[in-house]
Protein backbone atom coordinates (compact mmCIF):
# COMPACT_ATOMS: atom_id res chain seq x y z
CA MET A 1 107.39 176.50 102.23
CA ALA A 2 110.26 178.09 104.14
CA GLN A 3 110.12 181.13 101.85
CA ARG A 4 106.40 181.79 102.31
CA HIS A 5 105.75 184.58 104.77
CA CYS A 6 103.07 187.26 104.90
CA LYS A 7 104.12 190.41 103.08
CA ARG A 8 102.65 193.79 103.96
CA GLN A 9 103.98 196.04 101.23
CA PHE A 10 103.70 195.38 97.51
CA LEU A 11 105.01 196.97 94.35
CA ALA A 12 102.51 198.63 92.00
CA GLN A 13 103.57 196.19 89.26
CA ALA A 14 100.51 194.40 87.88
CA VAL A 15 100.18 190.65 88.29
CA PRO A 16 99.55 188.97 84.92
CA LYS A 17 96.05 187.56 84.74
CA GLN A 18 97.31 184.43 83.01
CA THR A 19 99.73 183.78 85.87
CA LEU A 20 96.93 183.97 88.41
CA ALA A 21 94.72 181.75 86.28
CA LYS A 22 97.43 179.09 86.07
CA ILE A 23 98.05 179.23 89.81
CA LEU A 24 94.35 178.97 90.66
CA GLN A 25 93.93 176.03 88.30
CA VAL A 26 96.87 174.10 89.75
CA ALA A 27 95.86 174.99 93.33
CA ALA A 28 92.55 173.21 92.75
CA GLN A 29 94.48 169.94 93.03
CA ALA A 30 94.04 170.47 96.77
CA PRO A 31 92.29 167.63 98.58
CA SER A 32 88.67 167.93 99.66
CA SER A 33 86.21 165.49 101.17
CA LYS A 34 84.94 163.18 98.40
CA ASN A 35 86.25 165.74 95.88
CA THR A 36 83.49 168.20 96.83
CA GLN A 37 85.75 171.22 96.14
CA PRO A 38 83.58 173.63 98.15
CA TRP A 39 85.75 176.68 97.57
CA GLN A 40 85.10 179.62 95.30
CA VAL A 41 87.29 182.66 94.81
CA SER A 42 86.56 186.10 93.40
CA VAL A 43 89.61 187.69 91.74
CA LEU A 44 89.89 191.47 91.76
CA LEU A 45 92.29 193.32 89.47
CA GLY A 46 92.83 196.92 88.45
CA SER A 47 90.11 199.37 89.46
CA ALA A 48 88.10 196.64 91.21
CA VAL A 49 90.83 196.38 93.86
CA ALA A 50 90.79 200.13 94.48
CA ASP A 51 86.98 200.25 94.57
CA LEU A 52 86.63 197.51 97.19
CA SER A 53 89.48 198.96 99.23
CA GLN A 54 87.81 202.37 99.23
CA ARG A 55 84.52 200.95 100.49
CA LEU A 56 86.21 198.95 103.23
CA CYS A 57 88.26 201.95 104.34
CA GLN A 58 85.11 204.06 104.51
CA ALA A 59 83.45 201.44 106.72
CA PHE A 60 86.52 201.25 108.96
CA ASP A 61 86.88 205.02 109.21
CA ALA A 62 83.19 205.35 110.09
CA GLY A 63 83.68 202.89 112.92
CA LEU A 64 81.11 200.45 111.59
CA PRO A 65 81.02 197.31 113.75
CA GLN A 66 82.70 194.26 112.29
CA GLN A 67 80.80 190.99 112.35
CA ALA A 68 82.21 188.08 110.39
CA ASP A 69 80.04 185.22 109.16
CA TYR A 70 81.83 182.80 111.47
CA VAL A 71 83.82 182.75 114.70
CA TYR A 72 87.52 182.51 113.95
CA GLN A 73 88.87 181.72 117.40
CA THR A 74 87.53 180.32 120.67
CA GLN A 75 86.89 182.88 123.39
CA PRO A 76 88.73 183.43 125.58
CA TRP A 77 91.88 182.53 123.72
CA PRO A 78 93.98 179.76 125.26
CA PRO A 79 96.86 181.44 127.17
CA GLU A 80 99.53 180.06 124.83
CA PHE A 81 97.65 181.41 121.78
CA LEU A 82 97.35 184.83 123.39
CA GLU A 83 101.04 184.85 124.25
CA ARG A 84 102.05 184.07 120.67
CA ALA A 85 99.61 186.60 119.20
CA ARG A 86 100.94 189.35 121.45
CA ALA A 87 104.55 188.49 120.61
CA CYS A 88 103.72 188.64 116.90
CA GLY A 89 101.83 191.93 117.19
CA TYR A 90 104.38 193.65 119.39
CA GLY A 91 107.21 192.44 117.19
CA LEU A 92 105.56 194.04 114.18
CA PHE A 93 104.89 197.25 116.10
CA ASP A 94 108.51 197.46 117.22
CA LEU A 95 109.71 197.04 113.64
CA LYS A 96 107.38 199.83 112.47
CA GLY A 97 108.27 202.09 115.40
CA ILE A 98 104.75 202.03 116.86
CA GLU A 99 104.53 202.56 120.60
CA ARG A 100 102.21 200.08 122.30
CA HIS A 101 100.00 202.84 123.72
CA ASP A 102 99.92 204.97 120.55
CA ARG A 103 96.28 204.41 119.62
CA GLU A 104 96.35 206.55 116.51
CA ALA A 105 99.37 204.75 115.09
CA ARG A 106 97.82 201.38 115.93
CA LYS A 107 94.59 202.39 114.22
CA ALA A 108 96.54 203.45 111.13
CA HIS A 109 98.28 200.08 111.25
CA ASP A 110 94.93 198.28 111.37
CA ARG A 111 93.61 200.43 108.51
CA GLU A 112 96.36 199.15 106.25
CA ASN A 113 94.52 195.82 106.15
CA PHE A 114 91.78 197.51 104.15
CA THR A 115 94.22 199.12 101.72
CA PHE A 116 95.45 195.56 101.01
CA PHE A 117 98.99 196.87 101.62
CA GLY A 118 99.06 198.30 98.11
CA ALA A 119 98.59 194.90 96.45
CA PRO A 120 97.56 195.14 92.78
CA ALA A 121 95.52 191.92 92.95
CA TYR A 122 93.08 190.72 95.56
CA LEU A 123 91.36 187.39 96.15
CA VAL A 124 88.17 186.88 98.15
CA PHE A 125 87.41 183.32 99.26
CA HIS A 126 83.87 182.23 100.02
CA LEU A 127 81.93 179.11 100.97
CA PRO A 128 78.28 178.04 100.92
CA ILE A 129 76.12 179.51 103.68
CA ASP A 130 76.22 177.45 106.90
CA SER A 131 79.34 175.53 105.88
CA GLU A 132 80.72 173.15 108.49
CA ARG A 133 84.28 172.84 109.75
CA GLY A 134 85.28 170.28 107.13
CA SER A 135 84.71 172.73 104.29
CA PHE A 136 86.92 175.26 106.08
CA LEU A 137 89.65 172.61 106.20
CA ASP A 138 89.27 171.98 102.46
CA LEU A 139 89.44 175.71 101.73
CA GLY A 140 92.60 175.94 103.84
CA PHE A 141 94.27 173.30 101.67
CA PHE A 142 93.30 175.29 98.57
CA MET A 143 94.55 178.60 99.95
CA GLN A 144 97.86 177.13 101.04
CA ASN A 145 98.40 175.73 97.55
CA ILE A 146 97.80 179.20 96.14
CA MET A 147 100.25 180.87 98.52
CA LEU A 148 103.00 178.36 97.77
CA ALA A 149 102.43 178.61 94.03
CA LEU A 150 102.65 182.40 94.26
CA VAL A 151 106.08 182.11 95.86
CA SER A 152 107.22 179.85 93.01
CA GLN A 153 106.38 182.67 90.58
CA GLY A 154 108.19 185.40 92.51
CA LEU A 155 104.94 186.67 94.00
CA ALA A 156 103.80 186.97 97.59
CA SER A 157 100.61 187.17 99.58
CA CYS A 158 98.98 188.09 102.84
CA PRO A 159 95.83 186.14 103.80
CA GLN A 160 93.41 188.37 105.70
CA PHE A 161 90.58 187.48 108.03
CA SER A 162 90.20 191.19 108.83
CA VAL A 163 88.22 191.99 105.68
CA ALA A 164 85.74 189.23 106.53
CA GLY A 165 84.54 191.54 109.28
CA TYR A 166 82.46 193.38 106.67
CA PRO A 167 80.77 190.45 104.89
CA GLU A 168 77.62 192.29 103.82
CA LEU A 169 79.67 195.02 102.17
CA ILE A 170 81.76 192.45 100.30
CA ARG A 171 78.73 190.39 99.28
CA GLU A 172 77.07 193.47 97.84
CA PHE A 173 80.24 194.46 96.00
CA LEU A 174 80.65 190.99 94.48
CA GLY A 175 76.98 190.49 93.72
CA LEU A 176 76.75 187.55 96.13
CA THR A 177 73.26 188.36 97.32
CA GLY A 178 69.93 186.57 97.35
CA GLU A 179 70.16 183.02 96.06
CA ARG A 180 73.84 183.60 95.24
CA SER A 181 74.71 184.54 98.82
CA ARG A 182 77.88 182.98 100.26
CA TRP A 183 79.86 183.17 103.47
CA ILE A 184 82.88 185.47 103.15
CA ILE A 185 85.79 183.54 104.66
CA SER A 186 89.00 185.40 103.88
CA GLY A 187 90.72 187.86 101.61
CA MET A 188 94.24 187.59 100.23
CA ALA A 189 96.46 190.43 99.06
CA VAL A 190 98.61 189.32 96.12
CA GLY A 191 101.48 191.00 94.33
CA TYR A 192 105.21 191.39 93.91
CA PRO A 193 106.70 192.11 97.36
CA ASP A 194 108.57 195.37 97.81
CA PRO A 195 112.16 194.26 98.51
CA GLU A 196 112.99 197.61 100.14
CA ALA A 197 110.07 197.63 102.58
CA GLN A 198 111.34 196.92 106.07
CA VAL A 199 107.99 195.50 107.12
CA ASN A 200 108.48 192.65 104.65
CA SER A 201 111.48 191.46 106.62
CA TYR A 202 109.32 190.56 109.59
CA ILE A 203 109.06 186.82 110.19
CA PRO A 204 107.36 185.71 113.42
CA GLU A 205 109.15 183.03 115.39
CA ARG A 206 107.94 179.49 114.77
CA LEU A 207 107.66 176.87 117.47
CA PRO A 208 110.36 174.22 117.75
CA LEU A 209 109.36 170.75 116.61
CA GLU A 210 109.00 169.32 120.11
CA LYS A 211 106.29 171.87 120.92
CA TYR A 212 103.82 170.47 118.39
CA VAL A 213 104.96 166.98 117.41
CA THR A 214 104.50 163.77 119.41
CA TRP A 215 106.19 160.64 118.12
CA TYR A 216 104.75 157.13 118.52
CA GLU A 217 106.93 154.16 117.60
């Protein structure tokens, strides 16, 4: 758990399909309400990764509005959430040498989300239409299992809400239309992390225990 951190630059080395299959099978031991297991995941490898990335980049470059299937965060953000988000973002910008008012550099930074940071494998997680909060919790358990299992195999990941901003594009690409339609919840870039990429050294500060734990005895 202490070794799992989001990586934003991957080697071109392919991820063995059998390794992913084993991880996804074991990750399904995640808990879910009454064993409903609401999650589904579409696994992209090889040219499929490049094809989806190209379509997402075209949408981003064209300035198409992003509208996810669900609201990720309450608006306005609680002040403490906003403070932490800014600290994380600015910390990453400082590491990459991006000035806070450099709009072009910041746009290029955002665009990297849709290149999947060069990851050779990509996962798209989806749920039934109109899923409630409990199913999101179950999916979170499943995704966390995957991310930890990836670390155990020398792999890394970066979960991405950003790609969920183009759900119709992704549904069309995956054939999740009509009666097969699903809510697009998150993507996840997967691969072997580039050990020489400075961006992969970035680890946002975590809160001390007393900030989020209350003891009752």
